[in-house]
């Protein structure tokens, strides 16, 4: 089971879409329902330390490795959630 992390910020349309896809995929695919993903709002946690630099949100890390930054698709979000099974 991989450690999943999403860096985002409130008010970001792409971040909102990514979080909606996470919720949607959890409802649609029972095997993803209990996958844990830590979510950090980069503006509400100004001292946060990401495992690697990034410039755009949403940014996903799997086991400390950046796997997706910026542009997100539902398919990519599903891949990331599946890494957490």
Protein backbone atom coordinates (compact mmCIF):
# COMPACT_ATOMS: atom_id res chain seq x y z
CA UNK A 1 0.00 0.00 0.00
CA UNK A 2 1.54 3.29 -1.15
CA UNK A 3 1.55 6.60 0.69
CA UNK A 4 -0.56 9.06 -1.36
CA UNK A 5 -0.42 12.81 -0.94
CA UNK A 6 -2.25 15.65 -2.70
CA UNK A 7 -1.04 19.25 -2.46
CA UNK A 8 -3.73 21.76 -3.39
CA UNK A 9 -5.25 25.08 -2.40
CA UNK A 10 -8.78 26.28 -1.84
CA UNK A 11 -10.11 28.24 -4.80
CA UNK A 12 -8.07 26.35 -7.39
CA UNK A 13 -10.47 25.01 -10.07
CA UNK A 14 -8.17 22.13 -11.07
CA UNK A 15 -7.75 21.14 -7.40
CA UNK A 16 -11.51 21.19 -6.90
CA UNK A 17 -11.94 18.95 -9.95
CA UNK A 18 -9.26 16.53 -8.72
CA UNK A 19 -10.97 16.25 -5.31
CA UNK A 20 -14.34 15.72 -7.01
CA UNK A 21 -12.84 12.91 -9.09
CA UNK A 22 -11.38 11.31 -5.97
CA UNK A 23 -14.84 11.31 -4.34
CA UNK A 24 -16.50 10.11 -7.54
CA UNK A 25 -14.03 7.26 -8.05
CA UNK A 26 -14.47 6.16 -4.44
CA UNK A 27 -18.24 5.93 -5.04
CA UNK A 28 -17.99 4.25 -8.45
CA UNK A 29 -15.28 1.70 -7.69
CA UNK A 30 -15.66 -0.14 -4.38
CA UNK A 31 -12.00 -1.19 -4.36
CA UNK A 32 -11.00 2.50 -4.14
CA UNK A 33 -13.47 3.46 -1.41
CA UNK A 34 -11.02 3.15 1.49
CA UNK A 35 -7.83 4.33 -0.19
CA UNK A 36 -6.18 6.89 2.08
CA UNK A 37 -4.86 10.12 0.58
CA UNK A 38 -3.40 12.94 2.64
CA UNK A 39 -4.44 16.38 1.41
CA UNK A 40 -2.45 19.50 2.24
CA UNK A 41 -3.64 22.99 1.43
CA UNK A 42 -0.40 24.80 0.58
CA UNK A 43 -1.76 28.22 1.64
CA UNK A 44 -3.22 27.06 4.95
CA UNK A 45 0.05 25.29 5.83
CA UNK A 46 2.75 27.80 4.90
CA UNK A 47 5.56 25.79 6.54
CA UNK A 48 4.76 22.56 4.72
CA UNK A 49 7.60 20.51 3.27
CA UNK A 50 6.89 18.53 0.12
CA UNK A 51 9.21 15.63 -0.71
CA UNK A 52 10.25 17.42 -3.93
CA UNK A 53 9.75 20.89 -5.39
CA UNK A 54 6.64 21.66 -7.40
CA UNK A 55 5.22 24.78 -9.00
CA UNK A 56 1.62 23.96 -9.88
CA UNK A 57 -1.33 22.45 -8.07
CA UNK A 58 -2.82 20.00 -7.81
CA UNK A 59 0.30 17.94 -7.30
CA UNK A 60 0.21 14.27 -6.35
CA UNK A 61 2.99 12.29 -4.70
CA UNK A 62 3.12 8.51 -4.35
CA UNK A 63 5.63 7.26 -1.77
CA UNK A 64 7.40 10.61 -1.83
CA UNK A 65 7.75 10.66 -5.62
CA UNK A 66 5.99 13.35 -7.64
CA UNK A 67 3.71 11.60 -10.14
CA UNK A 68 1.42 14.38 -11.35
CA UNK A 69 1.64 18.16 -11.29
CA UNK A 70 -0.87 20.62 -12.69
CA UNK A 71 -3.09 19.22 -15.41
CA UNK A 72 -5.21 16.36 -14.09
CA UNK A 73 -7.51 13.81 -15.68
CA UNK A 74 -9.93 11.41 -14.03
CA UNK A 75 -7.93 8.52 -15.49
CA UNK A 76 -4.70 9.78 -13.89
CA UNK A 77 -6.45 10.26 -10.54
CA UNK A 78 -7.69 6.67 -10.76
CA UNK A 79 -4.14 5.43 -11.45
CA UNK A 80 -2.90 7.29 -8.39
CA UNK A 81 -5.68 5.91 -6.17
CA UNK A 82 -4.97 2.39 -7.44
CA UNK A 83 -1.37 2.79 -6.26
CA UNK A 84 -2.81 3.08 -2.75
CA UNK A 85 -4.58 -0.29 -2.80
